[in-house]
C-alpha atoms as a PDB file:
ATOM      1  CA  MET A   1     -55.229   2.002  37.403  1.00  0.00           C
ATOM      2  CA  ASN A   2     -56.197   0.701  33.996  1.00  0.00           C
ATOM      3  CA  GLU A   3     -55.039   3.994  32.495  1.00  0.00           C
ATOM      4  CA  THR A   4     -51.627   3.538  34.216  1.00  0.00           C
ATOM      5  CA  ASN A   5     -51.347  -0.016  32.888  1.00  0.00           C
ATOM      6  CA  ALA A   6     -52.392   1.040  29.401  1.00  0.00           C
ATOM      7  CA  SER A   7     -49.868   3.906  29.592  1.00  0.00           C
ATOM      8  CA  ALA A   8     -47.070   1.558  30.688  1.00  0.00           C
ATOM      9  CA  ILE A   9     -47.918  -0.912  28.052  1.00  0.00           C
ATOM     10  CA  ALA A  10     -47.921   1.819  25.323  1.00  0.00           C
ATOM     11  CA  GLU A  11     -44.516   3.093  26.599  1.00  0.00           C
ATOM     12  CA  THR A  12     -43.119  -0.377  26.529  1.00  0.00           C
ATOM     13  CA  VAL A  13     -44.438  -1.036  23.027  1.00  0.00           C
ATOM     14  CA  GLY A  14     -42.931   2.330  21.950  1.00  0.00           C
ATOM     15  CA  THR A  15     -39.530   1.410  23.471  1.00  0.00           C
ATOM     16  CA  LEU A  16     -39.568  -2.004  21.858  1.00  0.00           C
ATOM     17  CA  SER A  17     -40.381  -0.428  18.587  1.00  0.00           C
ATOM     18  CA  LYS A  18     -37.424   1.943  18.849  1.00  0.00           C
ATOM     19  CA  VAL A  19     -35.092  -0.898  19.802  1.00  0.00           C
ATOM     20  CA  SER A  20     -36.375  -2.956  16.893  1.00  0.00           C
ATOM     21  CA  VAL A  21     -35.811  -0.161  14.475  1.00  0.00           C
ATOM     22  CA  ALA A  22     -32.248   0.454  15.869  1.00  0.00           C
ATOM     23  CA  PHE A  23     -31.567  -3.295  15.626  1.00  0.00           C
ATOM     24  CA  ASN A  24     -32.705  -3.342  12.068  1.00  0.00           C
ATOM     25  CA  GLU A  25     -30.503  -0.404  11.219  1.00  0.00           C
ATOM     26  CA  PHE A  26     -27.455  -2.115  12.792  1.00  0.00           C
ATOM     27  CA  LEU A  27     -28.178  -5.304  10.785  1.00  0.00           C
ATOM     28  CA  ILE A  28     -28.493  -3.389   7.519  1.00  0.00           C
ATOM     29  CA  ALA A  29     -25.181  -1.513   8.463  1.00  0.00           C
ATOM     30  CA  ALA A  30     -23.458  -4.803   9.247  1.00  0.00           C
ATOM     31  CA  PHE A  31     -24.647  -6.110   5.921  1.00  0.00           C
ATOM     32  CA  ILE A  32     -23.388  -3.056   4.086  1.00  0.00           C
ATOM     33  CA  MET A  33     -19.971  -3.445   5.763  1.00  0.00           C
ATOM     34  CA  LEU A  34     -19.851  -7.158   4.875  1.00  0.00           C
ATOM     35  CA  VAL A  35     -20.708  -6.616   1.253  1.00  0.00           C
ATOM     36  CA  GLY A  36     -18.486  -3.675   1.014  1.00  0.00           C
ATOM     37  CA  PHE A  37     -15.427  -5.530   2.346  1.00  0.00           C
ATOM     38  CA  PHE A  38     -16.151  -8.446   0.058  1.00  0.00           C
ATOM     39  CA  ILE A  39     -16.447  -6.072  -2.985  1.00  0.00           C
ATOM     40  CA  GLY A  40     -13.326  -4.184  -1.892  1.00  0.00           C
ATOM     41  CA  SER A  41     -11.240  -7.356  -1.557  1.00  0.00           C
ATOM     42  CA  PHE A  42     -12.535  -8.699  -4.925  1.00  0.00           C
ATOM     43  CA  ALA A  43     -11.947  -5.346  -6.619  1.00  0.00           C
ATOM     44  CA  GLY A  44      -8.477  -5.010  -5.355  1.00  0.00           C
ATOM     45  CA  LYS A  45      -7.664  -8.574  -6.644  1.00  0.00           C
ATOM     46  CA  VAL A  46      -9.229  -7.746 -10.047  1.00  0.00           C
ATOM     47  CA  VAL A  47      -7.146  -4.563 -10.324  1.00  0.00           C
ATOM     48  CA  ARG A  48      -3.920  -6.404  -9.464  1.00  0.00           C
ATOM     49  CA  LYS A  49      -4.735  -9.176 -11.864  1.00  0.00           C
ATOM     50  CA  ALA A  50      -5.655  -6.735 -14.681  1.00  0.00           C
ATOM     51  CA  LEU A  51      -2.535  -4.702 -14.252  1.00  0.00           C
ATOM     52  CA  SER A  52      -0.467  -7.930 -14.007  1.00  0.00           C
ATOM     53  CA  LEU A  53      -1.975  -9.028 -17.373  1.00  0.00           C
ATOM     54  CA  LEU A  54      -0.849  -5.675 -18.734  1.00  0.00           C
ATOM     55  CA  ASN A  55       2.663  -6.391 -17.285  1.00  0.00           C
ATOM     56  CA  LEU A  56       2.732  -2.973 -15.642  1.00  0.00           C
ATOM     57  CA  ASP A  57       5.550  -3.771 -13.241  1.00  0.00           C
ATOM     58  CA  GLN A  58       7.649  -5.273 -16.061  1.00  0.00           C
ATOM     59  CA  PHE A  59       6.954  -2.244 -18.104  1.00  0.00           C
ATOM     60  CA  ILE A  60       8.152   0.061 -15.355  1.00  0.00           C
ATOM     61  CA  ARG A  61      11.162  -2.078 -14.767  1.00  0.00           C
ATOM     62  CA  ARG A  62      12.031  -2.133 -18.426  1.00  0.00           C
ATOM     63  CA  VAL A  63      11.338   1.524 -19.243  1.00  0.00           C
ATOM     64  CA  PHE A  64      12.321   3.279 -16.105  1.00  0.00           C
ATOM     65  CA  LYS A  65      14.751   0.807 -14.782  1.00  0.00           C
ATOM     66  CA  ALA A  66      12.880   0.875 -11.447  1.00  0.00           C
ATOM     67  CA  ASN A  67      11.539  -2.063  -9.373  1.00  0.00           C
ATOM     68  CA  VAL A  68       8.315  -0.518  -8.197  1.00  0.00           C
ATOM     69  CA  PRO A  69       5.348  -2.821  -7.386  1.00  0.00           C
ATOM     70  CA  LEU A  70       2.579  -0.640  -8.866  1.00  0.00           C
ATOM     71  CA  GLU A  71       0.271  -3.591  -9.543  1.00  0.00           C
ATOM     72  CA  SER A  72       0.036  -4.310  -5.748  1.00  0.00           C
ATOM     73  CA  PHE A  73      -0.096  -0.599  -4.939  1.00  0.00           C
ATOM     74  CA  PHE A  74      -3.082   0.196  -7.122  1.00  0.00           C
ATOM     75  CA  GLY A  75      -4.867  -3.040  -5.979  1.00  0.00           C
ATOM     76  CA  PHE A  76      -4.390  -1.866  -2.295  1.00  0.00           C
ATOM     77  CA  ILE A  77      -5.629   1.664  -3.108  1.00  0.00           C
ATOM     78  CA  THR A  78      -8.690   0.195  -4.890  1.00  0.00           C
ATOM     79  CA  SER A  79      -9.591  -2.053  -1.914  1.00  0.00           C
ATOM     80  CA  SER A  80      -8.999   0.763   0.618  1.00  0.00           C
ATOM     81  CA  ALA A  81     -11.228   3.201  -1.191  1.00  0.00           C
ATOM     82  CA  ILE A  82     -14.094   0.627  -1.397  1.00  0.00           C
ATOM     83  CA  TYR A  83     -13.587  -0.290   2.303  1.00  0.00           C
ATOM     84  CA  LEU A  84     -13.746   3.462   3.167  1.00  0.00           C
ATOM     85  CA  ILE A  85     -17.007   3.887   1.180  1.00  0.00           C
ATOM     86  CA  ALA A  86     -18.512   0.813   2.844  1.00  0.00           C
ATOM     87  CA  ILE A  87     -17.678   2.168   6.310  1.00  0.00           C
ATOM     88  CA  ILE A  88     -19.151   5.543   5.557  1.00  0.00           C
ATOM     89  CA  LEU A  89     -22.293   4.020   4.169  1.00  0.00           C
ATOM     90  CA  ALA A  90     -22.704   1.740   7.143  1.00  0.00           C
ATOM     91  CA  LEU A  91     -22.205   4.559   9.645  1.00  0.00           C
ATOM     92  CA  ASN A  92     -24.640   6.629   7.731  1.00  0.00           C
ATOM     93  CA  GLN A  93     -27.234   3.886   7.959  1.00  0.00           C
ATOM     94  CA  ILE A  94     -27.055   3.908  11.698  1.00  0.00           C
ATOM     95  CA  GLY A  95     -27.342   7.682  11.894  1.00  0.00           C
ATOM     96  CA  ILE A  96     -23.882   8.558  13.199  1.00  0.00           C
ATOM     97  CA  ALA A  97     -23.250  12.405  13.103  1.00  0.00           C
ATOM     98  CA  SER A  98     -21.115  13.887  10.271  1.00  0.00           C
ATOM     99  CA  PHE A  99     -18.551  14.815  12.934  1.00  0.00           C
ATOM    100  CA  VAL A 100     -17.734  11.152  13.313  1.00  0.00           C
ATOM    101  CA  PHE A 101     -17.459  10.804   9.544  1.00  0.00           C
ATOM    102  CA  ARG A 102     -14.968  13.588   9.405  1.00  0.00           C
ATOM    103  CA  ILE A 103     -12.841  12.094  12.188  1.00  0.00           C
ATOM    104  CA  ILE A 104     -12.846   8.553  10.638  1.00  0.00           C
ATOM    105  CA  SER A 105     -12.166   9.917   7.236  1.00  0.00           C
ATOM    106  CA  ALA A 106      -9.210  12.108   8.535  1.00  0.00           C
ATOM    107  CA  VAL A 107      -7.672   9.033  10.395  1.00  0.00           C
ATOM    108  CA  LEU A 108      -8.029   6.878   7.262  1.00  0.00           C
ATOM    109  CA  VAL A 109      -6.498   9.484   5.037  1.00  0.00           C
ATOM    110  CA  LEU A 110      -3.775  10.025   7.530  1.00  0.00           C
ATOM    111  CA  LEU A 111      -3.020   6.356   7.753  1.00  0.00           C
ATOM    112  CA  MET A 112      -2.910   6.127   3.932  1.00  0.00           C
ATOM    113  CA  LEU A 113      -0.503   9.089   3.784  1.00  0.00           C
ATOM    114  CA  ILE A 114       1.698   7.618   6.468  1.00  0.00           C
ATOM    115  CA  SER A 115       1.846   4.176   4.645  1.00  0.00           C
ATOM    116  CA  ILE A 116       2.547   6.020   1.305  1.00  0.00           C
ATOM    117  CA  GLY A 117       5.135   8.091   3.089  1.00  0.00           C
ATOM    118  CA  LEU A 118       6.887   5.001   4.547  1.00  0.00           C
ATOM    119  CA  TYR A 119       6.727   3.369   1.105  1.00  0.00           C
ATOM    120  CA  ILE A 120       8.315   6.433  -0.602  1.00  0.00           C
ATOM    121  CA  ARG A 121      10.957   6.844   2.325  1.00  0.00           C
ATOM    122  CA  ASP A 122      12.394   3.459   1.428  1.00  0.00           C
ATOM    123  CA  ILE A 123      12.264   3.862  -2.394  1.00  0.00           C
ATOM    124  CA  LEU A 124      13.250   7.591  -2.716  1.00  0.00           C
ATOM    125  CA  PRO A 125      16.850   7.359  -1.383  1.00  0.00           C
ATOM    126  CA  ASN A 126      17.610   4.341  -3.644  1.00  0.00           C
ATOM    127  CA  PHE A 127      15.919   6.033  -6.602  1.00  0.00           C
ATOM    128  CA  LEU A 128      18.024   9.291  -6.180  1.00  0.00           C
ATOM    129  CA  ALA A 129      21.240   7.370  -5.554  1.00  0.00           C
ATOM    130  CA  GLY A 130      20.458   5.248  -8.671  1.00  0.00           C
ATOM    131  CA  ILE A 131      20.027   8.355 -10.753  1.00  0.00           C
ATOM    132  CA  ASN A 132      23.307   9.723  -9.469  1.00  0.00           C
ATOM    133  CA  ILE A 133      25.157   6.399 -10.103  1.00  0.00           C
ATOM    134  CA  ILE A 134      23.709   6.065 -13.610  1.00  0.00           C
ATOM    135  CA  SER A 135      24.163   9.769 -14.620  1.00  0.00           C
ATOM    136  CA  THR A 136      27.797   9.983 -13.400  1.00  0.00           C
ATOM    137  CA  ARG A 137      28.649   6.528 -14.835  1.00  0.00           C
ATOM    138  CA  LYS A 138      30.386   5.757 -11.531  1.00  0.00           C
ATOM    139  CA  ILE A 139      29.612   2.138 -11.923  1.00  0.00           C
ATOM    140  CA  LYS A 140      28.795   0.460 -15.203  1.00  0.00           C
ATOM    141  CA  VAL A 141      27.986  -3.121 -16.315  1.00  0.00           C
ATOM    142  CA  GLY A 142      31.253  -5.192 -16.593  1.00  0.00           C
ATOM    143  CA  ASP A 143      33.079  -3.165 -13.839  1.00  0.00           C
ATOM    144  CA  TRP A 144      34.392  -5.007 -10.779  1.00  0.00           C
ATOM    145  CA  VAL A 145      33.236  -3.495  -7.546  1.00  0.00           C
ATOM    146  CA  ARG A 146      34.103  -4.123  -3.771  1.00  0.00           C
ATOM    147  CA  ILE A 147      31.772  -2.502  -1.203  1.00  0.00           C
ATOM    148  CA  ASP A 148      33.223  -1.955   2.406  1.00  0.00           C
ATOM    149  CA  ASP A 149      35.688  -4.813   1.918  1.00  0.00           C
ATOM    150  CA  LYS A 150      32.893  -7.271   2.326  1.00  0.00           C
ATOM    151  CA  THR A 151      30.957  -7.636  -0.951  1.00  0.00           C
ATOM    152  CA  GLU A 152      32.695  -7.849  -4.283  1.00  0.00           C
ATOM    153  CA  GLY A 153      31.882  -8.963  -7.778  1.00  0.00           C
ATOM    154  CA  ASP A 154      31.385  -8.077 -11.414  1.00  0.00           C
ATOM    155  CA  VAL A 155      28.576  -5.561 -12.100  1.00  0.00           C
ATOM    156  CA  VAL A 156      25.844  -7.384 -14.097  1.00  0.00           C
ATOM    157  CA  ARG A 157      23.046  -4.757 -14.000  1.00  0.00           C
ATOM    158  CA  VAL A 158      22.790  -1.208 -12.851  1.00  0.00           C
ATOM    159  CA  ASP A 159      19.167   0.008 -12.162  1.00  0.00           C
ATOM    160  CA  LEU A 160      17.604   2.946 -10.399  1.00  0.00           C
ATOM    161  CA  THR A 161      16.844   0.863  -7.415  1.00  0.00           C
ATOM    162  CA  GLU A 162      19.448  -1.856  -7.321  1.00  0.00           C
ATOM    163  CA  ILE A 163      22.882  -2.866  -8.632  1.00  0.00           C
ATOM    164  CA  CYS A 164      23.347  -6.532  -9.340  1.00  0.00           C
ATOM    165  CA  LEU A 165      26.762  -8.061  -8.720  1.00  0.00           C
ATOM    166  CA  LYS A 166      27.935 -11.597  -9.736  1.00  0.00           C
ATOM    167  CA  THR A 167      30.452 -12.887  -7.092  1.00  0.00           C
ATOM    168  CA  SER A 168      33.405 -15.119  -7.788  1.00  0.00           C
ATOM    169  CA  ASP A 169      31.203 -17.963  -6.479  1.00  0.00           C
ATOM    170  CA  GLY A 170      28.618 -17.184  -9.174  1.00  0.00           C
ATOM    171  CA  GLU A 171      25.979 -15.862  -6.836  1.00  0.00           C
ATOM    172  CA  LEU A 172      24.033 -12.775  -7.644  1.00  0.00           C
ATOM    173  CA  VAL A 173      24.052 -10.074  -4.984  1.00  0.00           C
ATOM    174  CA  TYR A 174      21.689  -7.197  -5.174  1.00  0.00           C
ATOM    175  CA  VAL A 175      22.963  -3.904  -3.650  1.00  0.00           C
ATOM    176  CA  PRO A 176      20.787  -0.812  -3.064  1.00  0.00           C
ATOM    177  CA  PRO A 177      22.319   2.232  -4.726  1.00  0.00           C
ATOM    178  CA  SER A 178      21.942   4.205  -1.466  1.00  0.00           C
ATOM    179  CA  LEU A 179      24.245   1.650   0.318  1.00  0.00           C
ATOM    180  CA  ILE A 180      26.838   2.313  -2.425  1.00  0.00           C
ATOM    181  CA  GLN A 181      26.503   6.052  -1.844  1.00  0.00           C
ATOM    182  CA  LYS A 182      27.210   5.627   1.886  1.00  0.00           C
ATOM    183  CA  SER A 183      29.920   2.926   1.704  1.00  0.00           C
ATOM    184  CA  LYS A 184      33.600   2.768   0.872  1.00  0.00           C
ATOM    185  CA  VAL A 185      33.561   1.529  -2.739  1.00  0.00           C
ATOM    186  CA  GLU A 186      36.520   0.313  -4.894  1.00  0.00           C
ATOM    187  CA  VAL A 187      35.739   0.110  -8.649  1.00  0.00           C
ATOM    188  CA  ARG A 188      37.961  -1.342 -11.292  1.00  0.00           C
ATOM    189  CA  LYS A 189      36.693  -0.323 -14.776  1.00  0.00           C
ATOM    190  CA  LYS A 190      36.426  -2.925 -17.412  1.00  0.00           C
ATOM    191  CA  VAL A 191      39.162  -2.773 -19.942  1.00  0.00           C
END
């Protein structure tokens, strides 16, 4: 009977030892995730601030006449990449199989591609319509424009992503070029 008790005690100690090791691995993984998310958030803010100090968005607006928020985009990409690395390191710490890594990585890449696609889906039609309007000189600064018998005013600015009108009330109205392509537009050229 003493051998049975000793065997049961040894088995219990072995089980507790395995549980303790697993618990420690989970604590380390949680710490890796916490530090990774902190670093990712901080790095994203640093990238946004650095690009803001370089006036990247203003440069893109001035040179390409496009209103594209690249500072925020690159900050988001930086944070996301560090988050992904932290998740992979944490899962590796607890010994998850590489199959799970592949699934998680594929899902994250898919989500990033979907978000980029949705972002481009909104920007691309306006960008292409803006190129068309600028290249054909259909609408120029100083022209008077009426769109669908609703919005009218003098053209103040024509960019790739928006056309700015000044109404008779003095209000500035920003119209996406894609809306102008789809709408009934009356243009009176400046004399």
